[in-house]
Protein backbone atom coordinates (compact mmCIF):
# COMPACT_ATOMS: atom_id res chain seq x y z
CA MET A 1 -140.27 10.47 154.63
CA THR A 2 -143.20 11.20 156.96
CA THR A 3 -145.27 8.36 155.43
CA ILE A 4 -142.56 5.76 156.08
CA ASP A 5 -142.38 3.91 159.37
CA TRP A 6 -138.60 4.14 159.60
CA ALA A 7 -138.54 2.50 163.02
CA ALA A 8 -139.92 -0.66 161.42
CA LEU A 9 -137.08 -0.73 158.88
CA THR A 10 -133.48 -1.76 159.41
CA HIS A 11 -130.07 -0.65 158.17
CA ALA A 12 -126.51 -1.74 158.95
CA TYR A 13 -126.82 -0.92 162.65
CA GLY A 14 -130.37 -1.94 163.40
CA SER A 15 -133.45 0.31 163.48
CA ALA A 16 -133.59 2.97 160.77
CA GLU A 17 -135.46 5.44 162.98
CA ASP A 18 -132.45 7.81 162.84
CA ILE A 19 -132.49 8.19 159.04
CA PRO A 20 -135.15 10.96 158.75
CA GLY A 21 -133.23 13.07 161.26
CA LEU A 22 -129.98 12.65 159.35
CA PHE A 23 -131.54 13.67 156.04
CA ALA A 24 -133.22 16.63 157.75
CA ARG A 25 -129.81 17.95 158.89
CA LEU A 26 -128.41 18.18 155.36
CA GLY A 27 -127.80 21.59 153.87
CA GLY A 28 -125.42 22.92 156.51
CA SER A 29 -121.79 22.94 157.53
CA GLU A 30 -121.84 19.32 158.73
CA ASP A 31 -122.91 17.78 155.43
CA ASP A 32 -119.74 15.72 155.00
CA LYS A 33 -120.20 14.16 158.43
CA ILE A 34 -123.89 13.49 157.85
CA TRP A 35 -123.31 11.91 154.44
CA SER A 36 -120.64 9.71 156.02
CA GLN A 37 -123.19 8.52 158.58
CA LEU A 38 -125.80 7.92 155.89
CA TRP A 39 -123.35 5.94 153.75
CA SER A 40 -122.31 3.87 156.76
CA ALA A 41 -125.88 3.07 157.73
CA LEU A 42 -127.51 2.59 154.33
CA CYS A 43 -124.65 1.21 152.21
CA HIS A 44 -122.20 -0.27 154.70
CA GLN A 45 -119.35 -1.90 152.73
CA GLY A 46 -121.55 -1.99 149.65
CA SER A 47 -124.47 -3.77 151.33
CA VAL A 48 -128.08 -2.77 150.68
CA TYR A 49 -130.82 -2.87 153.32
CA GLU A 50 -134.59 -2.36 153.36
CA ALA A 51 -134.04 1.19 154.62
CA SER A 52 -131.69 1.83 151.70
CA TRP A 53 -134.47 1.31 149.18
CA ALA A 54 -136.90 3.30 151.31
CA ALA A 55 -134.48 6.26 151.01
CA MET A 56 -134.74 6.36 147.21
CA PRO A 57 -137.51 9.03 147.12
CA VAL A 58 -135.44 11.23 149.44
CA LEU A 59 -132.36 10.76 147.27
CA ALA A 60 -134.40 11.68 144.19
CA ASP A 61 -135.61 14.86 145.92
CA ILE A 62 -132.01 15.80 146.81
CA ALA A 63 -130.78 15.06 143.28
CA ARG A 64 -133.56 17.22 141.80
CA GLY A 65 -133.02 20.07 144.26
CA ARG A 66 -136.33 19.57 145.98
CA ALA A 67 -134.54 18.85 149.27
CA PRO A 68 -131.20 20.08 150.68
CA GLY A 69 -128.05 18.07 150.11
CA GLU A 70 -125.45 17.36 147.44
CA PRO A 71 -126.93 15.89 144.23
CA ILE A 72 -123.75 13.96 143.44
CA GLN A 73 -123.87 12.20 146.82
CA ALA A 74 -127.53 11.33 146.28
CA VAL A 75 -126.81 9.95 142.82
CA LEU A 76 -123.82 7.90 143.92
CA MET A 77 -125.76 6.42 146.83
CA ALA A 78 -128.75 5.62 144.64
CA GLY A 79 -126.44 4.02 142.10
CA LEU A 80 -125.01 1.68 144.71
CA ILE A 81 -128.46 0.84 146.08
CA SER A 82 -129.73 0.00 142.60
CA THR A 83 -127.02 -2.65 142.17
CA ASP A 84 -129.31 -4.75 144.37
CA PRO A 85 -131.06 -7.13 141.92
CA ASP A 86 -134.37 -7.08 143.82
CA THR A 87 -136.86 -6.80 140.94
CA GLU A 88 -139.77 -5.73 143.12
CA GLU A 89 -137.80 -2.82 144.57
CA HIS A 90 -136.66 -1.72 141.12
CA GLU A 91 -140.29 -1.69 139.98
CA ARG A 92 -141.50 0.05 143.14
CA TYR A 93 -139.02 2.89 142.73
CA ALA A 94 -138.97 3.05 138.92
CA ARG A 95 -140.00 6.73 138.87
CA GLU A 96 -137.29 7.74 141.33
CA ILE A 97 -134.68 5.70 139.44
CA ALA A 98 -135.62 7.48 136.22
CA GLU A 99 -135.25 10.87 137.88
CA LEU A 100 -131.92 9.97 139.43
CA LEU A 101 -130.64 8.59 136.12
CA GLU A 102 -131.42 11.85 134.35
CA VAL A 103 -129.51 13.82 136.98
CA ALA A 104 -126.61 11.35 136.93
CA ARG A 105 -126.22 11.63 133.16
CA GLY A 106 -126.16 15.40 133.47
CA LEU A 107 -123.50 15.32 136.18
CA LEU A 108 -121.20 13.34 133.87
CA THR A 109 -120.91 16.42 131.66
CA VAL A 110 -120.42 18.99 134.44
CA PRO A 111 -116.82 19.98 135.30
CA GLY A 112 -115.87 19.45 138.91
CA PRO A 113 -115.76 15.79 139.97
CA GLY A 114 -112.26 14.40 140.32
CA PRO A 115 -111.26 11.25 138.41
CA GLY A 116 -112.42 8.92 141.19
CA ASP A 117 -115.84 10.53 141.58
CA PHE A 118 -116.20 10.60 137.80
CA VAL A 119 -115.68 6.84 137.59
CA TYR A 120 -118.21 6.32 140.39
CA LEU A 121 -120.64 8.55 138.51
CA GLN A 122 -120.21 6.35 135.45
CA MET A 123 -120.92 3.35 137.66
CA ALA A 124 -124.04 5.03 139.08
CA VAL A 125 -125.37 5.70 135.59
CA LEU A 126 -124.79 2.10 134.55
CA SER A 127 -126.41 0.82 137.73
CA LEU A 128 -129.47 3.05 137.37
CA GLU A 129 -129.72 1.84 133.77
CA ASP A 130 -129.50 -1.74 135.05
CA ALA A 131 -126.68 -2.18 132.54
CA GLY A 132 -125.01 -5.24 133.99
CA THR A 133 -121.51 -6.18 135.13
CA TRP A 134 -119.70 -2.88 134.57
CA ALA A 135 -122.02 -1.05 136.98
CA GLU A 136 -119.88 -2.67 139.69
CA ALA A 137 -116.80 -3.93 137.85
CA LEU A 138 -115.81 -0.45 136.70
CA GLU A 139 -114.61 0.19 140.26
CA GLY A 140 -111.31 -1.37 139.22
CA VAL A 141 -110.63 1.73 137.11
CA ALA A 142 -110.82 3.90 140.24
CA HIS A 143 -108.47 1.46 142.03
CA GLU A 144 -106.08 1.33 139.02
CA GLU A 145 -106.02 -2.46 138.97
CA TYR A 146 -107.95 -5.69 138.52
CA GLU A 147 -107.23 -8.97 140.25
CA LEU A 148 -107.92 -11.83 137.84
CA GLU A 149 -106.98 -15.43 137.12
CA CYS A 150 -105.16 -16.29 133.91
CA PRO A 151 -107.76 -17.99 131.66
CA GLU A 152 -105.15 -20.60 130.63
CA CYS A 153 -103.02 -21.56 133.66
CA GLU A 154 -105.30 -20.05 136.35
CA GLU A 155 -102.40 -18.13 137.91
CA GLY A 156 -103.62 -15.28 140.11
CA LEU A 157 -102.73 -12.01 138.39
CA PHE A 158 -102.85 -8.30 139.04
CA VAL A 159 -103.57 -6.16 135.99
CA ALA A 160 -102.14 -2.73 136.84
CA PHE A 161 -102.55 0.51 134.91
CA GLY A 162 -101.85 3.30 137.38
CA SER A 163 -99.06 5.04 139.22
CA TYR A 164 -96.93 1.87 139.39
CA GLY A 165 -96.98 1.44 135.62
CA THR A 166 -98.89 -0.72 133.15
CA PHE A 167 -98.27 -4.47 133.36
CA THR A 168 -99.58 -7.77 134.63
CA SER A 169 -98.05 -9.28 137.74
CA ALA A 170 -98.11 -12.79 139.13
CA GLY A 171 -97.54 -11.40 142.61
CA ASP A 172 -98.10 -8.32 144.72
CA TYR A 173 -96.33 -5.70 142.62
CA VAL A 174 -96.31 -3.11 145.41
CA ILE A 175 -94.21 -5.37 147.60
CA SER A 176 -92.19 -7.09 144.88
CA GLY A 177 -90.70 -3.95 143.35
CA ALA A 178 -90.41 -2.27 139.99
CA PRO A 179 -92.47 -3.25 136.92
CA GLU A 180 -89.31 -4.63 135.27
CA ALA A 181 -88.96 -7.34 137.93
CA ARG A 182 -89.45 -11.00 137.10
CA GLY A 183 -93.03 -12.18 137.15
CA ARG A 184 -94.34 -9.31 135.05
CA GLY A 185 -96.19 -9.50 131.73
CA ARG A 186 -97.10 -7.05 129.01
CA LEU A 187 -100.27 -4.97 129.09
CA THR A 188 -101.21 -3.47 125.74
CA SER A 189 -103.73 -0.66 125.40
CA ALA A 190 -106.56 -0.76 122.90
CA LEU A 191 -106.57 1.83 120.13
CA PRO A 192 -109.35 4.29 121.01
CA GLU A 193 -110.70 4.29 117.46
CA ARG A 194 -111.12 0.51 117.65
CA LEU A 195 -113.09 0.46 120.88
CA THR A 196 -116.66 -0.75 120.55
CA GLY A 197 -119.69 -1.21 122.79
CA ILE A 198 -119.34 -0.35 126.46
CA GLY A 199 -115.62 0.36 126.07
CA ALA A 200 -116.23 3.00 123.42
CA ARG A 201 -119.03 4.54 125.45
CA LEU A 202 -117.04 4.83 128.68
CA TYR A 203 -113.95 6.11 126.88
CA GLY A 204 -116.00 8.73 125.04
CA GLU A 205 -117.60 9.94 128.27
CA ALA A 206 -114.19 10.32 129.92
CA VAL A 207 -112.74 12.24 126.97
CA ALA A 208 -115.79 14.51 126.73
CA ALA A 209 -115.53 15.32 130.44
CA GLY A 210 -111.81 16.09 130.19
CA HIS A 211 -110.68 13.11 132.28
CA ALA A 212 -107.69 12.04 130.20
CA GLU A 213 -106.33 9.78 132.95
CA VAL A 214 -109.60 7.86 133.16
CA ALA A 215 -109.74 7.58 129.37
CA ARG A 216 -106.17 6.25 129.30
CA ALA A 217 -106.94 3.67 132.01
CA LEU A 218 -109.94 2.47 130.02
CA THR A 219 -107.76 1.74 126.97
CA TYR A 220 -105.87 -0.77 129.14
CA VAL A 221 -109.01 -2.21 130.71
CA PHE A 222 -110.30 -2.88 127.18
CA GLY A 223 -106.86 -3.89 125.94
CA ARG A 224 -104.81 -7.11 125.96
CA ALA A 225 -102.73 -8.71 128.69
CA HIS A 226 -100.05 -11.39 128.77
CA CYS A 227 -99.77 -13.87 131.61
CA PRO A 228 -96.19 -13.79 132.93
CA SER A 229 -96.43 -17.47 133.91
CA CYS A 230 -97.64 -19.10 130.67
CA ASP A 231 -97.45 -16.13 128.23
CA VAL A 232 -101.01 -16.58 127.02
CA GLU A 233 -102.61 -13.37 125.74
CA PHE A 234 -106.13 -12.49 126.80
CA SER A 235 -108.68 -9.68 126.72
CA VAL A 236 -108.73 -7.89 130.07
CA SER A 237 -112.36 -6.79 129.74
CA ASP A 238 -113.53 -10.27 128.72
CA GLU A 239 -111.95 -11.76 131.82
CA VAL A 240 -113.33 -9.00 134.06
CA GLU A 241 -116.81 -9.76 132.74
CA ARG A 242 -116.31 -13.51 133.09
CA GLN A 243 -114.74 -13.48 136.54
CA TRP A 244 -116.44 -10.56 138.28
CA VAL A 245 -118.60 -11.76 141.15
């Protein structure tokens, strides 16, 4: 960090001159507060700044244990930063990305992260691999829903697979009531043994890590949905990939 002119860089709130001091305070009782400040400055609402990329060597050091801090936080932050498609930055920090990816893959197999953090770890791995849409779109699994348009009638739909049940809805299902209410369509899970490609990979990672609830959600994400308005059947994952922006 000492070779970087942080004052010349910017983050969400202006000059990044405060970033070295924040990283230097990690390793104590205030880590949660400090990470919150770092996330807010470097990745505010998912945005990436020039100071975010400049932090990649520090995040790699934390992930590898060469600097104090929580490796999982470093990996998750680096994963979000690497969703930025800036080719020059990816090339500039290729060594750090490779290091962070190795740590991230290892963390997927370590017991401890809750279901939400596990999904974000999967996203970080995909992002560091530069693996495409699901590096960001997988966030719907953590939120237990996707908001899509029907590919036939273009009705706005919620595809839900969480605590409210498993169904499609043509309206806000939290406000409108129980899954049996009018305006609901069927959501059919994929058979795990028939999953292929990215679906099979993500499902296998969740099962291996003991996250049955994540694995179950993924069978619906890679399953089939019916539009309650026109009754057309469609692949949820295909529409996520087509519509995700």
